Amino acid sequence: MASRAIPHKATAGALRAARQIEPHSTLRQSIAELIDRETGLPEILDLLEGILAEAGHLIESRSPELVAHARTVIRNYGDETARQAE
Protein backbone atom coordinates (compact mmCIF):
# COMPACT_ATOMS: atom_id res chain seq x y z
CA MET A 1 0.00 0.00 0.00
CA ALA A 2 1.48 3.35 -1.01
CA SER A 3 1.60 6.03 1.62
CA ARG A 4 -0.19 9.21 0.72
CA ALA A 5 0.07 12.60 2.34
CA ILE A 6 -3.06 13.12 4.37
CA PRO A 7 -3.88 16.69 5.25
CA HIS A 8 -5.42 16.73 8.67
CA LYS A 9 -6.54 18.85 11.53
CA ALA A 10 -3.89 18.96 14.25
CA THR A 11 -4.54 16.71 17.22
CA ALA A 12 -5.39 18.11 20.64
CA GLY A 13 -2.07 16.88 22.01
CA ALA A 14 -0.11 18.61 19.28
CA LEU A 15 -2.05 21.82 19.84
CA ARG A 16 -1.26 21.66 23.58
CA ALA A 17 2.42 21.18 22.77
CA ALA A 18 2.36 24.04 20.28
CA ARG A 19 0.74 26.27 22.89
CA GLN A 20 3.68 25.56 25.19
CA ILE A 21 6.22 26.22 22.42
CA GLU A 22 4.70 29.24 20.70
CA PRO A 23 3.01 32.14 22.51
CA HIS A 24 1.69 33.64 19.24
CA SER A 25 -1.59 31.99 18.34
CA THR A 26 -1.12 32.59 14.60
CA LEU A 27 1.75 30.09 14.47
CA ARG A 28 0.28 27.40 16.74
CA GLN A 29 -1.72 25.56 14.10
CA SER A 30 1.27 25.17 11.76
CA ILE A 31 3.50 24.07 14.66
CA ALA A 32 0.89 21.55 15.79
CA GLU A 33 0.60 20.17 12.25
CA LEU A 34 4.39 19.88 12.10
CA ILE A 35 4.40 17.97 15.40
CA ASP A 36 1.80 15.53 14.08
CA ARG A 37 3.71 15.05 10.80
CA GLU A 38 7.00 14.45 12.58
CA THR A 39 5.44 11.91 14.95
CA GLY A 40 4.02 9.99 11.98
CA LEU A 41 0.34 10.42 12.81
CA PRO A 42 -0.81 10.79 9.18
CA GLU A 43 0.98 7.57 8.20
CA ILE A 44 -0.49 5.70 11.17
CA LEU A 45 -3.99 6.85 10.26
CA ASP A 46 -3.43 5.85 6.63
CA LEU A 47 -2.24 2.42 7.75
CA LEU A 48 -5.20 1.98 10.08
CA GLU A 49 -7.62 2.93 7.30
CA GLY A 50 -5.94 0.39 5.01
CA ILE A 51 -6.17 -2.38 7.59
CA LEU A 52 -9.85 -1.68 8.15
CA ALA A 53 -10.51 -1.57 4.41
CA GLU A 54 -8.72 -4.87 3.79
CA ALA A 55 -9.52 -6.87 6.92
CA GLY A 56 -12.08 -4.91 8.93
CA HIS A 57 -14.74 -7.58 8.49
CA LEU A 58 -12.39 -10.30 9.81
CA ILE A 59 -11.35 -8.24 12.81
CA GLU A 60 -14.93 -7.20 13.50
CA SER A 61 -16.07 -10.82 13.72
CA ARG A 62 -13.62 -11.36 16.61
CA SER A 63 -13.61 -7.94 18.22
CA PRO A 64 -16.32 -5.52 17.12
CA GLU A 65 -15.30 -3.11 19.90
CA LEU A 66 -11.78 -2.87 18.47
CA VAL A 67 -13.05 -2.00 15.00
CA ALA A 68 -15.53 0.52 16.40
CA HIS A 69 -12.74 2.14 18.39
CA ALA A 70 -10.44 2.24 15.35
CA ARG A 71 -13.15 3.89 13.24
CA THR A 72 -13.71 6.46 16.01
CA VAL A 73 -9.99 7.26 16.04
CA ILE A 74 -9.99 7.75 12.29
CA ARG A 75 -13.04 10.00 12.51
CA ASN A 76 -11.54 12.06 15.33
CA TYR A 77 -8.06 12.47 13.89
CA GLY A 78 -8.46 11.93 10.15
CA ASP A 79 -8.90 14.73 7.68
CA GLU A 80 -12.23 16.22 6.66
CA THR A 81 -12.13 14.75 3.14
CA ALA A 82 -11.59 11.22 4.40
CA ARG A 83 -14.51 11.59 6.79
CA GLN A 84 -16.76 12.93 4.04
CA ALA A 85 -15.87 9.94 1.83
CA GLU A 86 -17.19 7.44 4.41
PDB file of N, CA and C in Angstrom:
ATOM      1  N   MET A   1       0.851  -1.175   0.000  1.00  0.00           N
ATOM      2  CA  MET A   1       0.000   0.000   0.000  1.00  0.00           C
ATOM      3  C   MET A   1       0.891   1.230   0.000  1.00  0.00           C
ATOM      4  N   ALA A   2       0.681   2.135  -0.922  1.00  0.00           N
ATOM      5  CA  ALA A   2       1.482   3.353  -1.009  1.00  0.00           C
ATOM      6  C   ALA A   2       0.998   4.357   0.018  1.00  0.00           C
ATOM      7  N   SER A   3       1.939   5.006   0.645  1.00  0.00           N
ATOM      8  CA  SER A   3       1.600   6.027   1.618  1.00  0.00           C
ATOM      9  C   SER A   3       1.244   7.304   0.885  1.00  0.00           C
ATOM     10  N   ARG A   4       0.200   7.955   1.333  1.00  0.00           N
ATOM     11  CA  ARG A   4      -0.194   9.213   0.722  1.00  0.00           C
ATOM     12  C   ARG A   4      -0.207  10.287   1.796  1.00  0.00           C
ATOM     13  N   ALA A   5       0.088  11.489   1.395  1.00  0.00           N
ATOM     14  CA  ALA A   5       0.071  12.595   2.341  1.00  0.00           C
ATOM     15  C   ALA A   5      -1.376  12.922   2.670  1.00  0.00           C
ATOM     16  N   ILE A   6      -1.705  12.863   3.935  1.00  0.00           N
ATOM     17  CA  ILE A   6      -3.061  13.124   4.367  1.00  0.00           C
ATOM     18  C   ILE A   6      -3.088  14.471   5.086  1.00  0.00           C
ATOM     19  N   PRO A   7      -3.736  15.456   4.490  1.00  0.00           N
ATOM     20  CA  PRO A   7      -3.880  16.691   5.248  1.00  0.00           C
ATOM     21  C   PRO A   7      -4.831  16.422   6.406  1.00  0.00           C
ATOM     22  N   HIS A   8      -4.558  16.989   7.538  1.00  0.00           N
ATOM     23  CA  HIS A   8      -5.422  16.728   8.673  1.00  0.00           C
ATOM     24  C   HIS A   8      -5.429  17.899   9.631  1.00  0.00           C
ATOM     25  N   LYS A   9      -6.428  17.884  10.467  1.00  0.00           N
ATOM     26  CA  LYS A   9      -6.538  18.851  11.531  1.00  0.00           C
ATOM     27  C   LYS A   9      -5.581  18.399  12.624  1.00  0.00           C
ATOM     28  N   ALA A  10      -4.850  19.316  13.209  1.00  0.00           N
ATOM     29  CA  ALA A  10      -3.888  18.959  14.247  1.00  0.00           C
ATOM     30  C   ALA A  10      -4.606  18.333  15.442  1.00  0.00           C
ATOM     31  N   THR A  11      -3.957  17.374  16.061  1.00  0.00           N
ATOM     32  CA  THR A  11      -4.543  16.714  17.224  1.00  0.00           C
ATOM     33  C   THR A  11      -4.507  17.632  18.433  1.00  0.00           C
ATOM     34  N   ALA A  12      -5.338  17.317  19.407  1.00  0.00           N
ATOM     35  CA  ALA A  12      -5.394  18.110  20.640  1.00  0.00           C
ATOM     36  C   ALA A  12      -4.043  18.109  21.348  1.00  0.00           C
ATOM     37  N   GLY A  13      -3.379  16.962  21.362  1.00  0.00           N
ATOM     38  CA  GLY A  13      -2.067  16.881  22.010  1.00  0.00           C
ATOM     39  C   GLY A  13      -1.032  17.760  21.330  1.00  0.00           C
ATOM     40  N   ALA A  14      -1.050  17.771  20.015  1.00  0.00           N
ATOM     41  CA  ALA A  14      -0.108  18.610  19.275  1.00  0.00           C
ATOM     42  C   ALA A  14      -0.411  20.087  19.500  1.00  0.00           C
ATOM     43  N   LEU A  15      -1.694  20.427  19.580  1.00  0.00           N
ATOM     44  CA  LEU A  15      -2.054  21.817  19.844  1.00  0.00           C
ATOM     45  C   LEU A  15      -1.615  22.243  21.247  1.00  0.00           C
ATOM     46  N   ARG A  16      -1.741  21.341  22.222  1.00  0.00           N
ATOM     47  CA  ARG A  16      -1.258  21.663  23.578  1.00  0.00           C
ATOM     48  C   ARG A  16       0.243  21.873  23.573  1.00  0.00           C
ATOM     49  N   ALA A  17       0.965  21.023  22.856  1.00  0.00           N
ATOM     50  CA  ALA A  17       2.421  21.177  22.775  1.00  0.00           C
ATOM     51  C   ALA A  17       2.781  22.479  22.082  1.00  0.00           C
ATOM     52  N   ALA A  18       2.089  22.798  21.011  1.00  0.00           N
ATOM     53  CA  ALA A  18       2.356  24.037  20.280  1.00  0.00           C
ATOM     54  C   ALA A  18       2.087  25.261  21.156  1.00  0.00           C
ATOM     55  N   ARG A  19       1.064  25.168  21.986  1.00  0.00           N
ATOM     56  CA  ARG A  19       0.741  26.269  22.888  1.00  0.00           C
ATOM     57  C   ARG A  19       1.887  26.509  23.870  1.00  0.00           C
ATOM     58  N   GLN A  20       2.549  25.439  24.285  1.00  0.00           N
ATOM     59  CA  GLN A  20       3.685  25.557  25.187  1.00  0.00           C
ATOM     60  C   GLN A  20       4.915  26.115  24.475  1.00  0.00           C
ATOM     61  N   ILE A  21       5.052  25.800  23.202  1.00  0.00           N
ATOM     62  CA  ILE A  21       6.222  26.217  22.420  1.00  0.00           C
ATOM     63  C   ILE A  21       6.070  27.641  21.907  1.00  0.00           C
ATOM     64  N   GLU A  22       4.898  27.979  21.422  1.00  0.00           N
ATOM     65  CA  GLU A  22       4.704  29.239  20.704  1.00  0.00           C
ATOM     66  C   GLU A  22       3.631  30.105  21.354  1.00  0.00           C
ATOM     67  N   PRO A  23       4.003  31.269  21.886  1.00  0.00           N
ATOM     68  CA  PRO A  23       3.013  32.139  22.509  1.00  0.00           C
ATOM     69  C   PRO A  23       2.081  32.828  21.500  1.00  0.00           C
ATOM     70  N   HIS A  24       2.511  32.959  20.249  1.00  0.00           N
ATOM     71  CA  HIS A  24       1.693  33.635  19.236  1.00  0.00           C
ATOM     72  C   HIS A  24       0.707  32.650  18.609  1.00  0.00           C
ATOM     73  N   SER A  25      -0.560  32.919  18.796  1.00  0.00           N
ATOM     74  CA  SER A  25      -1.589  31.994  18.339  1.00  0.00           C
ATOM     75  C   SER A  25      -1.589  31.782  16.826  1.00  0.00           C
ATOM     76  N   THR A  26      -1.103  32.743  16.061  1.00  0.00           N
ATOM     77  CA  THR A  26      -1.123  32.594  14.601  1.00  0.00           C
ATOM     78  C   THR A  26      -0.202  31.483  14.121  1.00  0.00           C
ATOM     79  N   LEU A  27       0.808  31.137  14.883  1.00  0.00           N
ATOM     80  CA  LEU A  27       1.746  30.094  14.475  1.00  0.00           C
ATOM     81  C   LEU A  27       1.428  28.729  15.067  1.00  0.00           C
ATOM     82  N   ARG A  28       0.545  28.667  16.040  1.00  0.00           N
ATOM     83  CA  ARG A  28       0.279  27.396  16.742  1.00  0.00           C
ATOM     84  C   ARG A  28      -0.215  26.288  15.833  1.00  0.00           C
ATOM     85  N   GLN A  29      -1.155  26.599  14.961  1.00  0.00           N
ATOM     86  CA  GLN A  29      -1.718  25.560  14.096  1.00  0.00           C
ATOM     87  C   GLN A  29      -0.633  24.926  13.231  1.00  0.00           C
ATOM     88  N   SER A  30       0.223  25.735  12.622  1.00  0.00           N
ATOM     89  CA  SER A  30       1.267  25.169  11.762  1.00  0.00           C
ATOM     90  C   SER A  30       2.286  24.380  12.587  1.00  0.00           C
ATOM     91  N   ILE A  31       2.583  24.832  13.791  1.00  0.00           N
ATOM     92  CA  ILE A  31       3.499  24.073  14.658  1.00  0.00           C
ATOM     93  C   ILE A  31       2.859  22.747  15.060  1.00  0.00           C
ATOM     94  N   ALA A  32       1.585  22.784  15.406  1.00  0.00           N
ATOM     95  CA  ALA A  32       0.887  21.553  15.791  1.00  0.00           C
ATOM     96  C   ALA A  32       0.850  20.561  14.625  1.00  0.00           C
ATOM     97  N   GLU A  33       0.608  21.047  13.419  1.00  0.00           N
ATOM     98  CA  GLU A  33       0.600  20.166  12.246  1.00  0.00           C
ATOM     99  C   GLU A  33       1.992  19.569  12.014  1.00  0.00           C
ATOM    100  N   LEU A  34       3.016  20.372  12.226  1.00  0.00           N
ATOM    101  CA  LEU A  34       4.389  19.884  12.103  1.00  0.00           C
ATOM    102  C   LEU A  34       4.669  18.789  13.137  1.00  0.00           C
ATOM    103  N   ILE A  35       4.220  18.984  14.353  1.00  0.00           N
ATOM    104  CA  ILE A  35       4.403  17.974  15.404  1.00  0.00           C
ATOM    105  C   ILE A  35       3.742  16.669  14.982  1.00  0.00           C
ATOM    106  N   ASP A  36       2.500  16.743  14.517  1.00  0.00           N
ATOM    107  CA  ASP A  36       1.802  15.529  14.082  1.00  0.00           C
ATOM    108  C   ASP A  36       2.530  14.849  12.929  1.00  0.00           C
ATOM    109  N   ARG A  37       2.982  15.634  11.937  1.00  0.00           N
ATOM    110  CA  ARG A  37       3.708  15.048  10.800  1.00  0.00           C
ATOM    111  C   ARG A  37       4.975  14.356  11.267  1.00  0.00           C
ATOM    112  N   GLU A  38       5.727  15.005  12.137  1.00  0.00           N
ATOM    113  CA  GLU A  38       7.002  14.450  12.582  1.00  0.00           C
ATOM    114  C   GLU A  38       6.820  13.224  13.471  1.00  0.00           C
ATOM    115  N   THR A  39       5.691  13.102  14.128  1.00  0.00           N
ATOM    116  CA  THR A  39       5.443  11.914  14.947  1.00  0.00           C
ATOM    117  C   THR A  39       4.841  10.779  14.129  1.00  0.00           C
ATOM    118  N   GLY A  40       4.517  11.048  12.858  1.00  0.00           N
ATOM    119  CA  GLY A  40       4.017   9.993  11.981  1.00  0.00           C
ATOM    120  C   GLY A  40       2.527   9.761  12.049  1.00  0.00           C
ATOM    121  N   LEU A  41       1.773  10.636  12.668  1.00  0.00           N
ATOM    122  CA  LEU A  41       0.343  10.425  12.807  1.00  0.00           C
ATOM    123  C   LEU A  41      -0.377  10.222  11.468  1.00  0.00           C
ATOM    124  N   PRO A  42      -0.105  11.023  10.440  1.00  0.00           N
ATOM    125  CA  PRO A  42      -0.806  10.793   9.175  1.00  0.00           C
ATOM    126  C   PRO A  42      -0.561   9.388   8.602  1.00  0.00           C
ATOM    127  N   GLU A  43       0.673   8.901   8.713  1.00  0.00           N
ATOM    128  CA  GLU A  43       0.981   7.566   8.197  1.00  0.00           C
ATOM    129  C   GLU A  43       0.276   6.483   9.011  1.00  0.00           C
ATOM    130  N   ILE A  44       0.197   6.675  10.312  1.00  0.00           N
ATOM    131  CA  ILE A  44      -0.490   5.701  11.169  1.00  0.00           C
ATOM    132  C   ILE A  44      -1.970   5.656  10.819  1.00  0.00           C
ATOM    133  N   LEU A  45      -2.579   6.818  10.631  1.00  0.00           N
ATOM    134  CA  LEU A  45      -3.993   6.851  10.257  1.00  0.00           C
ATOM    135  C   LEU A  45      -4.220   6.201   8.901  1.00  0.00           C
ATOM    136  N   ASP A  46      -3.324   6.457   7.957  1.00  0.00           N
ATOM    137  CA  ASP A  46      -3.429   5.854   6.634  1.00  0.00           C
ATOM    138  C   ASP A  46      -3.328   4.328   6.742  1.00  0.00           C
ATOM    139  N   LEU A  47      -2.401   3.863   7.534  1.00  0.00           N
ATOM    140  CA  LEU A  47      -2.237   2.421   7.748  1.00  0.00           C
ATOM    141  C   LEU A  47      -3.476   1.815   8.393  1.00  0.00           C
ATOM    142  N   LEU A  48      -4.005   2.475   9.409  1.00  0.00           N
ATOM    143  CA  LEU A  48      -5.203   1.981  10.084  1.00  0.00           C
ATOM    144  C   LEU A  48      -6.391   1.924   9.128  1.00  0.00           C
ATOM    145  N   GLU A  49      -6.546   2.954   8.300  1.00  0.00           N
ATOM    146  CA  GLU A  49      -7.619   2.932   7.298  1.00  0.00           C
ATOM    147  C   GLU A  49      -7.453   1.764   6.337  1.00  0.00           C
ATOM    148  N   GLY A  50      -6.219   1.507   5.918  1.00  0.00           N
ATOM    149  CA  GLY A  50      -5.943   0.392   5.013  1.00  0.00           C
ATOM    150  C   GLY A  50      -6.260  -0.951   5.637  1.00  0.00           C
ATOM    151  N   ILE A  51      -5.886  -1.118   6.885  1.00  0.00           N
ATOM    152  CA  ILE A  51      -6.170  -2.375   7.590  1.00  0.00           C
ATOM    153  C   ILE A  51      -7.674  -2.589   7.687  1.00  0.00           C
ATOM    154  N   LEU A  52      -8.401  -1.547   8.045  1.00  0.00           N
ATOM    155  CA  LEU A  52      -9.854  -1.682   8.150  1.00  0.00           C
ATOM    156  C   LEU A  52     -10.492  -1.958   6.790  1.00  0.00           C
ATOM    157  N   ALA A  53      -9.960  -1.338   5.745  1.00  0.00           N
ATOM    158  CA  ALA A  53     -10.506  -1.571   4.409  1.00  0.00           C
ATOM    159  C   ALA A  53     -10.266  -3.008   3.958  1.00  0.00           C
ATOM    160  N   GLU A  54      -9.085  -3.533   4.260  1.00  0.00           N
ATOM    161  CA  GLU A  54      -8.724  -4.873   3.793  1.00  0.00           C
ATOM    162  C   GLU A  54      -9.240  -5.996   4.703  1.00  0.00           C
ATOM    163  N   ALA A  55      -9.220  -5.770   6.006  1.00  0.00           N
ATOM    164  CA  ALA A  55      -9.521  -6.874   6.925  1.00  0.00           C
ATOM    165  C   ALA A  55     -10.488  -6.495   8.035  1.00  0.00           C
ATOM    166  N   GLY A  56     -11.160  -5.356   7.890  1.00  0.00           N
ATOM    167  CA  GLY A  56     -12.079  -4.911   8.926  1.00  0.00           C
ATOM    168  C   GLY A  56     -13.148  -5.927   9.261  1.00  0.00           C
ATOM    169  N   HIS A  57     -13.685  -6.592   8.246  1.00  0.00           N
ATOM    170  CA  HIS A  57     -14.739  -7.576   8.488  1.00  0.00           C
ATOM    171  C   HIS A  57     -14.219  -8.777   9.285  1.00  0.00           C
ATOM    172  N   LEU A  58     -12.968  -9.186   9.050  1.00  0.00           N
ATOM    173  CA  LEU A  58     -12.389 -10.298   9.806  1.00  0.00           C
ATOM    174  C   LEU A  58     -12.140  -9.909  11.266  1.00  0.00           C
ATOM    175  N   ILE A  59     -11.618  -8.714  11.453  1.00  0.00           N
ATOM    176  CA  ILE A  59     -11.350  -8.242  12.807  1.00  0.00           C
ATOM    177  C   ILE A  59     -12.660  -8.033  13.547  1.00  0.00           C
ATOM    178  N   GLU A  60     -13.636  -7.493  12.863  1.00  0.00           N
ATOM    179  CA  GLU A  60     -14.926  -7.202  13.498  1.00  0.00           C
ATOM    180  C   GLU A  60     -15.623  -8.464  13.987  1.00  0.00           C
ATOM    181  N   SER A  61     -15.439  -9.574  13.289  1.00  0.00           N
ATOM    182  CA  SER A  61     -16.070 -10.824  13.722  1.00  0.00           C
ATOM    183  C   SER A  61     -15.502 -11.314  15.052  1.00  0.00           C
ATOM    184  N   ARG A  62     -14.252 -10.952  15.350  1.00  0.00           N
ATOM    185  CA  ARG A  62     -13.616 -11.361  16.613  1.00  0.00           C
ATOM    186  C   ARG A  62     -13.687 -10.286  17.679  1.00  0.00           C
ATOM    187  N   SER A  63     -13.626  -9.031  17.256  1.00  0.00           N
ATOM    188  CA  SER A  63     -13.605  -7.935  18.218  1.00  0.00           C
ATOM    189  C   SER A  63     -14.286  -6.692  17.634  1.00  0.00           C
ATOM    190  N   PRO A  64     -15.614  -6.673  17.671  1.00  0.00           N
ATOM    191  CA  PRO A  64     -16.322  -5.519  17.119  1.00  0.00           C
ATOM    192  C   PRO A  64     -15.972  -4.213  17.848  1.00  0.00           C
ATOM    193  N   GLU A  65     -15.660  -4.314  19.135  1.00  0.00           N
ATOM    194  CA  GLU A  65     -15.296  -3.115  19.901  1.00  0.00           C
ATOM    195  C   GLU A  65     -14.005  -2.500  19.368  1.00  0.00           C
ATOM    196  N   LEU A  66     -13.051  -3.347  18.996  1.00  0.00           N
ATOM    197  CA  LEU A  66     -11.784  -2.867  18.472  1.00  0.00           C
ATOM    198  C   LEU A  66     -11.984  -2.114  17.158  1.00  0.00           C
ATOM    199  N   VAL A  67     -12.787  -2.659  16.280  1.00  0.00           N
ATOM    200  CA  VAL A  67     -13.050  -2.005  14.996  1.00  0.00           C
ATOM    201  C   VAL A  67     -13.809  -0.697  15.214  1.00  0.00           C
ATOM    202  N   ALA A  68     -14.781  -0.707  16.111  1.00  0.00           N
ATOM    203  CA  ALA A  68     -15.529   0.517  16.404  1.00  0.00           C
ATOM    204  C   ALA A  68     -14.596   1.588  16.946  1.00  0.00           C
ATOM    205  N   HIS A  69     -13.690   1.190  17.826  1.00  0.00           N
ATOM    206  CA  HIS A  69     -12.735   2.141  18.393  1.00  0.00           C
ATOM    207  C   HIS A  69     -11.797   2.679  17.303  1.00  0.00           C
ATOM    208  N   ALA A  70     -11.328   1.810  16.432  1.00  0.00           N
ATOM    209  CA  ALA A  70     -10.439   2.238  15.346  1.00  0.00           C
ATOM    210  C   ALA A  70     -11.145   3.222  14.428  1.00  0.00           C
ATOM    211  N   ARG A  71     -12.394   2.969  14.109  1.00  0.00           N
ATOM    212  CA  ARG A  71     -13.149   3.889  13.242  1.00  0.00           C
ATOM    213  C   ARG A  71     -13.367   5.238  13.936  1.00  0.00           C
ATOM    214  N   THR A  72     -13.571   5.215  15.246  1.00  0.00           N
ATOM    215  CA  THR A  72     -13.712   6.457  16.006  1.00  0.00           C
ATOM    216  C   THR A  72     -12.421   7.258  15.960  1.00  0.00           C
ATOM    217  N   VAL A  73     -11.291   6.574  16.106  1.00  0.00           N
ATOM    218  CA  VAL A  73      -9.995   7.256  16.044  1.00  0.00           C
ATOM    219  C   VAL A  73      -9.810   7.907  14.686  1.00  0.00           C
ATOM    220  N   ILE A  74     -10.129   7.194  13.636  1.00  0.00           N
ATOM    221  CA  ILE A  74      -9.987   7.753  12.288  1.00  0.00           C
ATOM    222  C   ILE A  74     -10.890   8.966  12.128  1.00  0.00           C
ATOM    223  N   ARG A  75     -12.122   8.859  12.605  1.00  0.00           N
ATOM    224  CA  ARG A  75     -13.040  10.001  12.507  1.00  0.00           C
ATOM    225  C   ARG A  75     -12.526  11.197  13.298  1.00  0.00           C
ATOM    226  N   ASN A  76     -12.001  10.958  14.484  1.00  0.00           N
ATOM    227  CA  ASN A  76     -11.541  12.058  15.331  1.00  0.00           C
ATOM    228  C   ASN A  76     -10.274  12.716  14.829  1.00  0.00           C
ATOM    229  N   TYR A  77      -9.360  11.940  14.258  1.00  0.00           N
ATOM    230  CA  TYR A  77      -8.056  12.475  13.887  1.00  0.00           C
ATOM    231  C   TYR A  77      -7.804  12.531  12.396  1.00  0.00           C
ATOM    232  N   GLY A  78      -8.658  11.904  11.598  1.00  0.00           N
ATOM    233  CA  GLY A  78      -8.461  11.926  10.154  1.00  0.00           C
ATOM    234  C   GLY A  78      -8.865  13.264   9.569  1.00  0.00           C
ATOM    235  N   ASP A  79      -8.576  13.451   8.310  1.00  0.00           N
ATOM    236  CA  ASP A  79      -8.897  14.731   7.684  1.00  0.00           C
ATOM    237  C   ASP A  79     -10.362  14.790   7.287  1.00  0.00           C
ATOM    238  N   GLU A  80     -10.834  15.983   7.016  1.00  0.00           N
ATOM    239  CA  GLU A  80     -12.226  16.217   6.655  1.00  0.00           C
ATOM    240  C   GLU A  80     -12.633  15.468   5.394  1.00  0.00           C
ATOM    241  N   THR A  81     -11.762  15.412   4.392  1.00  0.00           N
ATOM    242  CA  THR A  81     -12.134  14.752   3.135  1.00  0.00           C
ATOM    243  C   THR A  81     -12.289  13.256   3.319  1.00  0.00           C
ATOM    244  N   ALA A  82     -11.458  12.653   4.154  1.00  0.00           N
ATOM    245  CA  ALA A  82     -11.593  11.219   4.405  1.00  0.00           C
ATOM    246  C   ALA A  82     -12.898  10.935   5.132  1.00  0.00           C
ATOM    247  N   ARG A  83     -13.259  11.800   6.058  1.00  0.00           N
ATOM    248  CA  ARG A  83     -14.509  11.590   6.788  1.00  0.00           C
ATOM    249  C   ARG A  83     -15.721  11.762   5.872  1.00  0.00           C
ATOM    250  N   GLN A  84     -15.640  12.711   4.943  1.00  0.00           N
ATOM    251  CA  GLN A  84     -16.763  12.927   4.043  1.00  0.00           C
ATOM    252  C   GLN A  84     -16.902  11.770   3.065  1.00  0.00           C
ATOM    253  N   ALA A  85     -15.828  11.054   2.768  1.00  0.00           N
ATOM    254  CA  ALA A  85     -15.866   9.940   1.827  1.00  0.00           C
ATOM    255  C   ALA A  85     -16.522   8.702   2.430  1.00  0.00           C
ATOM    256  N   GLU A  86     -16.614   8.634   3.772  1.00  0.00           N
ATOM    257  CA  GLU A  86     -17.187   7.435   4.409  1.00  0.00           C
ATOM    258  C   GLU A  86     -18.628   7.225   4.105  1.00  0.00           C
TER     259      GLU A  86
END
